[in-house]
PDB file of N, CA and C in Angstrom:
ATOM      1  N   MET A   1     -20.547 147.500 -78.657  1.00  0.00           N
ATOM      2  CA  MET A   1     -20.639 146.195 -77.883  1.00  0.00           C
ATOM      3  C   MET A   1     -20.655 144.999 -78.803  1.00  0.00           C
ATOM      4  N   SER A   2     -20.048 143.970 -78.469  1.00  0.00           N
ATOM      5  CA  SER A   2     -19.903 142.799 -79.258  1.00  0.00           C
ATOM      6  C   SER A   2     -21.150 142.050 -79.175  1.00  0.00           C
ATOM      7  N   VAL A   3     -21.254 141.024 -80.087  1.00  0.00           N
ATOM      8  CA  VAL A   3     -22.465 140.128 -80.178  1.00  0.00           C
ATOM      9  C   VAL A   3     -22.505 139.315 -78.894  1.00  0.00           C
ATOM     10  N   PHE A   4     -21.267 138.911 -78.362  1.00  0.00           N
ATOM     11  CA  PHE A   4     -21.263 138.227 -77.115  1.00  0.00           C
ATOM     12  C   PHE A   4     -21.807 139.117 -75.936  1.00  0.00           C
ATOM     13  N   GLY A   5     -21.457 140.341 -76.007  1.00  0.00           N
ATOM     14  CA  GLY A   5     -21.944 141.245 -74.887  1.00  0.00           C
ATOM     15  C   GLY A   5     -23.408 141.437 -75.037  1.00  0.00           C
ATOM     16  N   ASP A   6     -23.881 141.572 -76.155  1.00  0.00           N
ATOM     17  CA  ASP A   6     -25.370 141.760 -76.504  1.00  0.00           C
ATOM     18  C   ASP A   6     -26.086 140.614 -76.013  1.00  0.00           C
ATOM     19  N   ALA A   7     -25.537 139.340 -76.377  1.00  0.00           N
ATOM     20  CA  ALA A   7     -26.264 138.114 -75.843  1.00  0.00           C
ATOM     21  C   ALA A   7     -26.257 137.980 -74.327  1.00  0.00           C
ATOM     22  N   VAL A   8     -25.193 138.341 -73.595  1.00  0.00           N
ATOM     23  CA  VAL A   8     -25.177 138.286 -72.341  1.00  0.00           C
ATOM     24  C   VAL A   8     -26.155 139.380 -71.607  1.00  0.00           C
ATOM     25  N   GLY A   9     -26.200 140.468 -72.221  1.00  0.00           N
ATOM     26  CA  GLY A   9     -27.094 141.520 -71.715  1.00  0.00           C
ATOM     27  C   GLY A   9     -28.570 141.053 -71.866  1.00  0.00           C
ATOM     28  N   ALA A  10     -28.796 140.424 -73.037  1.00  0.00           N
ATOM     29  CA  ALA A  10     -30.193 139.962 -73.239  1.00  0.00           C
ATOM     30  C   ALA A  10     -30.573 138.827 -72.244  1.00  0.00           C
ATOM     31  N   ILE A  11     -29.682 137.953 -71.974  1.00  0.00           N
ATOM     32  CA  ILE A  11     -29.959 136.881 -70.978  1.00  0.00           C
ATOM     33  C   ILE A  11     -30.169 137.441 -69.708  1.00  0.00           C
ATOM     34  N   ARG A  12     -29.324 138.466 -69.370  1.00  0.00           N
ATOM     35  CA  ARG A  12     -29.448 139.082 -67.905  1.00  0.00           C
ATOM     36  C   ARG A  12     -30.820 139.704 -67.869  1.00  0.00           C
ATOM     37  N   GLN A  13     -31.249 140.368 -68.870  1.00  0.00           N
ATOM     38  CA  GLN A  13     -32.483 141.002 -68.899  1.00  0.00           C
ATOM     39  C   GLN A  13     -33.725 139.998 -68.589  1.00  0.00           C
ATOM     40  N   VAL A  14     -33.556 138.834 -69.413  1.00  0.00           N
ATOM     41  CA  VAL A  14     -34.579 137.735 -69.233  1.00  0.00           C
ATOM     42  C   VAL A  14     -34.583 137.212 -67.870  1.00  0.00           C
ATOM     43  N   LEU A  15     -33.390 137.025 -67.257  1.00  0.00           N
ATOM     44  CA  LEU A  15     -33.306 136.547 -65.802  1.00  0.00           C
ATOM     45  C   LEU A  15     -33.952 137.611 -64.863  1.00  0.00           C
ATOM     46  N   LEU A  16     -33.622 138.887 -65.051  1.00  0.00           N
ATOM     47  CA  LEU A  16     -34.285 139.888 -64.235  1.00  0.00           C
ATOM     48  C   LEU A  16     -35.803 139.858 -64.423  1.00  0.00           C
ATOM     49  N   MET A  17     -36.260 139.710 -65.531  1.00  0.00           N
ATOM     50  CA  MET A  17     -37.735 139.643 -65.796  1.00  0.00           C
ATOM     51  C   MET A  17     -38.347 138.480 -65.169  1.00  0.00           C
ATOM     52  N   GLN A  18     -37.548 137.380 -65.209  1.00  0.00           N
ATOM     53  CA  GLN A  18     -38.159 136.120 -64.536  1.00  0.00           C
ATOM     54  C   GLN A  18     -38.144 136.317 -63.043  1.00  0.00           C
ATOM     55  N   THR A  19     -37.129 136.997 -62.536  1.00  0.00           N
ATOM     56  CA  THR A  19     -37.098 137.183 -61.052  1.00  0.00           C
ATOM     57  C   THR A  19     -38.275 138.093 -60.522  1.00  0.00           C
ATOM     58  N   ARG A  20     -38.536 139.121 -61.390  1.00  0.00           N
ATOM     59  CA  ARG A  20     -39.637 140.037 -61.212  1.00  0.00           C
ATOM     60  C   ARG A  20     -40.920 139.350 -61.257  1.00  0.00           C
ATOM     61  N   MET A  21     -41.164 138.416 -62.188  1.00  0.00           N
ATOM     62  CA  MET A  21     -42.339 137.725 -62.357  1.00  0.00           C
ATOM     63  C   MET A  21     -42.596 136.759 -61.164  1.00  0.00           C
ATOM     64  N   ASP A  22     -41.439 136.233 -60.803  1.00  0.00           N
ATOM     65  CA  ASP A  22     -41.633 135.290 -59.575  1.00  0.00           C
ATOM     66  C   ASP A  22     -42.051 136.220 -58.410  1.00  0.00           C
ATOM     67  N   GLN A  23     -41.450 137.274 -58.133  1.00  0.00           N
ATOM     68  CA  GLN A  23     -41.894 138.208 -57.057  1.00  0.00           C
ATOM     69  C   GLN A  23     -43.276 138.471 -57.180  1.00  0.00           C
ATOM     70  N   LEU A  24     -43.715 138.887 -58.350  1.00  0.00           N
ATOM     71  CA  LEU A  24     -45.113 139.283 -58.637  1.00  0.00           C
ATOM     72  C   LEU A  24     -45.998 138.111 -58.307  1.00  0.00           C
ATOM     73  N   ASP A  25     -45.621 136.932 -58.672  1.00  0.00           N
ATOM     74  CA  ASP A  25     -46.538 135.816 -58.515  1.00  0.00           C
ATOM     75  C   ASP A  25     -46.642 135.587 -56.910  1.00  0.00           C
ATOM     76  N   GLY A  26     -45.656 135.727 -56.171  1.00  0.00           N
ATOM     77  CA  GLY A  26     -45.673 135.666 -54.728  1.00  0.00           C
ATOM     78  C   GLY A  26     -46.530 136.766 -54.136  1.00  0.00           C
ATOM     79  N   ARG A  27     -46.508 137.957 -54.618  1.00  0.00           N
ATOM     80  CA  ARG A  27     -47.352 139.059 -54.104  1.00  0.00           C
ATOM     81  C   ARG A  27     -48.690 138.775 -54.425  1.00  0.00           C
ATOM     82  N   ILE A  28     -49.054 138.229 -55.610  1.00  0.00           N
ATOM     83  CA  ILE A  28     -50.466 138.038 -56.005  1.00  0.00           C
ATOM     84  C   ILE A  28     -50.987 136.819 -55.082  1.00  0.00           C
ATOM     85  N   THR A  29     -50.220 135.865 -54.846  1.00  0.00           N
ATOM     86  CA  THR A  29     -50.670 134.803 -53.956  1.00  0.00           C
ATOM     87  C   THR A  29     -51.009 135.333 -52.629  1.00  0.00           C
ATOM     88  N   ALA A  30     -50.032 136.195 -52.059  1.00  0.00           N
ATOM     89  CA  ALA A  30     -50.348 136.777 -50.718  1.00  0.00           C
ATOM     90  C   ALA A  30     -51.519 137.632 -50.766  1.00  0.00           C
ATOM     91  N   MET A  31     -51.816 138.390 -51.858  1.00  0.00           N
ATOM     92  CA  MET A  31     -52.940 139.247 -51.967  1.00  0.00           C
ATOM     93  C   MET A  31     -54.330 138.312 -51.939  1.00  0.00           C
ATOM     94  N   GLY A  32     -54.167 137.213 -52.611  1.00  0.00           N
ATOM     95  CA  GLY A  32     -55.332 136.248 -52.698  1.00  0.00           C
ATOM     96  C   GLY A  32     -55.655 135.751 -51.334  1.00  0.00           C
ATOM     97  N   ALA A  33     -54.586 135.443 -50.477  1.00  0.00           N
ATOM     98  CA  ALA A  33     -54.886 134.978 -49.154  1.00  0.00           C
ATOM     99  C   ALA A  33     -55.405 136.176 -48.302  1.00  0.00           C
ATOM    100  N   ASP A  34     -55.106 137.393 -48.493  1.00  0.00           N
ATOM    101  CA  ASP A  34     -55.538 138.590 -47.743  1.00  0.00           C
ATOM    102  C   ASP A  34     -57.013 138.731 -48.163  1.00  0.00           C
ATOM    103  N   VAL A  35     -57.358 138.574 -49.382  1.00  0.00           N
ATOM    104  CA  VAL A  35     -58.698 138.765 -49.783  1.00  0.00           C
ATOM    105  C   VAL A  35     -59.644 137.672 -49.118  1.00  0.00           C
ATOM    106  N   GLU A  36     -59.090 136.372 -49.155  1.00  0.00           N
ATOM    107  CA  GLU A  36     -59.858 135.349 -48.464  1.00  0.00           C
ATOM    108  C   GLU A  36     -60.189 135.732 -47.061  1.00  0.00           C
ATOM    109  N   GLY A  37     -59.084 136.175 -46.308  1.00  0.00           N
ATOM    110  CA  GLY A  37     -59.187 136.595 -44.988  1.00  0.00           C
ATOM    111  C   GLY A  37     -60.212 137.622 -44.709  1.00  0.00           C
ATOM    112  N   LEU A  38     -60.164 138.687 -45.636  1.00  0.00           N
ATOM    113  CA  LEU A  38     -61.115 139.802 -45.560  1.00  0.00           C
ATOM    114  C   LEU A  38     -62.533 139.233 -45.800  1.00  0.00           C
ATOM    115  N   THR A  39     -62.707 138.411 -46.590  1.00  0.00           N
ATOM    116  CA  THR A  39     -64.055 137.761 -46.951  1.00  0.00           C
ATOM    117  C   THR A  39     -64.657 137.103 -45.702  1.00  0.00           C
ATOM    118  N   GLU A  40     -63.792 136.400 -44.844  1.00  0.00           N
ATOM    119  CA  GLU A  40     -64.168 135.799 -43.688  1.00  0.00           C
ATOM    120  C   GLU A  40     -64.603 136.785 -42.609  1.00  0.00           C
ATOM    121  N   VAL A  41     -63.759 137.853 -42.479  1.00  0.00           N
ATOM    122  CA  VAL A  41     -63.985 138.934 -41.496  1.00  0.00           C
ATOM    123  C   VAL A  41     -65.214 139.637 -41.866  1.00  0.00           C
ATOM    124  N   LEU A  42     -65.458 139.895 -43.193  1.00  0.00           N
ATOM    125  CA  LEU A  42     -66.629 140.550 -43.598  1.00  0.00           C
ATOM    126  C   LEU A  42     -67.920 139.772 -43.246  1.00  0.00           C
ATOM    127  N   ALA A  43     -67.845 138.604 -43.381  1.00  0.00           N
ATOM    128  CA  ALA A  43     -68.993 137.613 -43.062  1.00  0.00           C
ATOM    129  C   ALA A  43     -69.300 137.741 -41.562  1.00  0.00           C
ATOM    130  N   ASP A  44     -68.158 137.590 -40.736  1.00  0.00           N
ATOM    131  CA  ASP A  44     -68.303 137.753 -39.331  1.00  0.00           C
ATOM    132  C   ASP A  44     -68.937 139.120 -38.923  1.00  0.00           C
ATOM    133  N   VAL A  45     -68.566 140.200 -39.579  1.00  0.00           N
ATOM    134  CA  VAL A  45     -69.072 141.675 -39.229  1.00  0.00           C
ATOM    135  C   VAL A  45     -70.577 141.530 -39.638  1.00  0.00           C
ATOM    136  N   ARG A  46     -70.873 141.016 -40.810  1.00  0.00           N
ATOM    137  CA  ARG A  46     -72.354 140.974 -41.227  1.00  0.00           C
ATOM    138  C   ARG A  46     -73.125 140.294 -40.200  1.00  0.00           C
ATOM    139  N   ASP A  47     -72.735 139.144 -39.788  1.00  0.00           N
ATOM    140  CA  ASP A  47     -73.434 138.415 -38.763  1.00  0.00           C
ATOM    141  C   ASP A  47     -73.632 139.194 -37.536  1.00  0.00           C
ATOM    142  N   ARG A  48     -72.530 139.896 -37.090  1.00  0.00           N
ATOM    143  CA  ARG A  48     -72.642 140.690 -35.896  1.00  0.00           C
ATOM    144  C   ARG A  48     -73.666 141.774 -36.027  1.00  0.00           C
ATOM    145  N   VAL A  49     -73.546 142.470 -37.211  1.00  0.00           N
ATOM    146  CA  VAL A  49     -74.599 143.658 -37.326  1.00  0.00           C
ATOM    147  C   VAL A  49     -75.981 143.071 -37.451  1.00  0.00           C
ATOM    148  N   SER A  50     -76.238 141.897 -38.025  1.00  0.00           N
ATOM    149  CA  SER A  50     -77.570 141.294 -38.036  1.00  0.00           C
ATOM    150  C   SER A  50     -78.008 141.003 -36.672  1.00  0.00           C
ATOM    151  N   ARG A  51     -77.205 140.567 -35.750  1.00  0.00           N
ATOM    152  CA  ARG A  51     -77.614 140.357 -34.486  1.00  0.00           C
ATOM    153  C   ARG A  51     -78.024 141.649 -33.744  1.00  0.00           C
ATOM    154  N   LEU A  52     -77.160 142.660 -34.001  1.00  0.00           N
ATOM    155  CA  LEU A  52     -77.411 143.938 -33.391  1.00  0.00           C
ATOM    156  C   LEU A  52     -78.673 144.552 -33.863  1.00  0.00           C
ATOM    157  N   GLU A  53     -78.962 144.385 -35.214  1.00  0.00           N
ATOM    158  CA  GLU A  53     -80.203 144.902 -35.858  1.00  0.00           C
ATOM    159  C   GLU A  53     -81.402 144.194 -35.036  1.00  0.00           C
ATOM    160  N   GLY A  54     -81.261 142.885 -34.894  1.00  0.00           N
ATOM    161  CA  GLY A  54     -82.303 142.120 -34.200  1.00  0.00           C
ATOM    162  C   GLY A  54     -82.592 142.641 -32.871  1.00  0.00           C
ATOM    163  N   ILE A  55     -81.506 142.913 -32.136  1.00  0.00           N
ATOM    164  CA  ILE A  55     -81.624 143.310 -30.783  1.00  0.00           C
ATOM    165  C   ILE A  55     -82.349 144.758 -30.655  1.00  0.00           C
ATOM    166  N   ILE A  56     -81.885 145.567 -31.527  1.00  0.00           N
ATOM    167  CA  ILE A  56     -82.487 146.975 -31.680  1.00  0.00           C
ATOM    168  C   ILE A  56     -83.991 146.858 -32.077  1.00  0.00           C
ATOM    169  N   GLU A  57     -84.379 146.009 -33.007  1.00  0.00           N
ATOM    170  CA  GLU A  57     -85.814 145.926 -33.401  1.00  0.00           C
ATOM    171  C   GLU A  57     -86.558 145.356 -32.166  1.00  0.00           C
ATOM    172  N   GLY A  58     -85.979 144.392 -31.499  1.00  0.00           N
ATOM    173  CA  GLY A  58     -86.654 143.857 -30.314  1.00  0.00           C
ATOM    174  C   GLY A  58     -86.908 144.944 -29.282  1.00  0.00           C
ATOM    175  N   VAL A  59     -85.938 145.660 -29.070  1.00  0.00           N
ATOM    176  CA  VAL A  59     -86.052 146.716 -27.987  1.00  0.00           C
ATOM    177  C   VAL A  59     -87.043 147.778 -28.546  1.00  0.00           C
ATOM    178  N   ALA A  60     -87.051 148.115 -29.790  1.00  0.00           N
ATOM    179  CA  ALA A  60     -87.894 149.125 -30.339  1.00  0.00           C
ATOM    180  C   ALA A  60     -89.379 148.638 -30.236  1.00  0.00           C
ATOM    181  N   MET A  61     -89.581 147.312 -30.459  1.00  0.00           N
ATOM    182  CA  MET A  61     -90.987 146.664 -30.474  1.00  0.00           C
ATOM    183  C   MET A  61     -91.427 146.685 -28.965  1.00  0.00           C
ATOM    184  N   ALA A  62     -90.487 146.322 -28.019  1.00  0.00           N
ATOM    185  CA  ALA A  62     -90.883 146.248 -26.624  1.00  0.00           C
ATOM    186  C   ALA A  62     -91.197 147.720 -26.140  1.00  0.00           C
ATOM    187  N   ALA A  63     -90.357 148.641 -26.549  1.00  0.00           N
ATOM    188  CA  ALA A  63     -90.677 150.136 -26.140  1.00  0.00           C
ATOM    189  C   ALA A  63     -92.048 150.485 -26.729  1.00  0.00           C
ATOM    190  N   GLY A  64     -92.321 150.112 -28.029  1.00  0.00           N
ATOM    191  CA  GLY A  64     -93.583 150.458 -28.552  1.00  0.00           C
ATOM    192  C   GLY A  64     -94.792 149.883 -27.807  1.00  0.00           C
ATOM    193  N   ARG A  65     -94.683 148.607 -27.432  1.00  0.00           N
ATOM    194  CA  ARG A  65     -95.655 148.013 -26.495  1.00  0.00           C
ATOM    195  C   ARG A  65     -95.927 148.722 -25.204  1.00  0.00           C
ATOM    196  N   GLN A  66     -94.771 149.011 -24.500  1.00  0.00           N
ATOM    197  CA  GLN A  66     -94.817 149.700 -23.344  1.00  0.00           C
ATOM    198  C   GLN A  66     -95.530 151.010 -23.460  1.00  0.00           C
ATOM    199  N   GLN A  67     -95.221 151.749 -24.545  1.00  0.00           N
ATOM    200  CA  GLN A  67     -95.996 153.023 -24.623  1.00  0.00           C
ATOM    201  C   GLN A  67     -97.425 152.936 -24.821  1.00  0.00           C
ATOM    202  N   ARG A  68     -97.803 151.839 -25.537  1.00  0.00           N
ATOM    203  CA  ARG A  68     -99.301 151.631 -25.791  1.00  0.00           C
ATOM    204  C   ARG A  68     -99.935 151.410 -24.490  1.00  0.00           C
ATOM    205  N   ARG A  69     -99.231 150.505 -23.595  1.00  0.00           N
ATOM    206  CA  ARG A  69     -99.880 150.148 -22.351  1.00  0.00           C
ATOM    207  C   ARG A  69    -100.209 151.467 -21.532  1.00  0.00           C
ATOM    208  N   ILE A  70     -99.171 152.297 -21.531  1.00  0.00           N
ATOM    209  CA  ILE A  70     -99.218 153.530 -20.807  1.00  0.00           C
ATOM    210  C   ILE A  70    -100.435 154.346 -21.330  1.00  0.00           C
ATOM    211  N   GLU A  71    -100.564 154.473 -22.651  1.00  0.00           N
ATOM    212  CA  GLU A  71    -101.550 155.253 -23.182  1.00  0.00           C
ATOM    213  C   GLU A  71    -102.918 154.769 -22.993  1.00  0.00           C
ATOM    214  N   GLU A  72    -103.132 153.450 -22.871  1.00  0.00           N
ATOM    215  CA  GLU A  72    -104.394 152.794 -22.676  1.00  0.00           C
ATOM    216  C   GLU A  72    -104.885 153.140 -21.228  1.00  0.00           C
TER     217      GLU A  72
END
């Protein structure tokens, strides 16, 4: 191959790498947005689980009180 052909091949490779880097940058940006969304969903799930735990504890305490009254 000639020097000109080598130069064109090298430029082509650089352009292909740049295109791939741009695509990778877009994917990383999208993944960052996905992670932010997951963080929000996780916080919502944590809050819901905390509420359910509170309800369960309240029911357990009420059931414990009812059993004591029956035993008395």
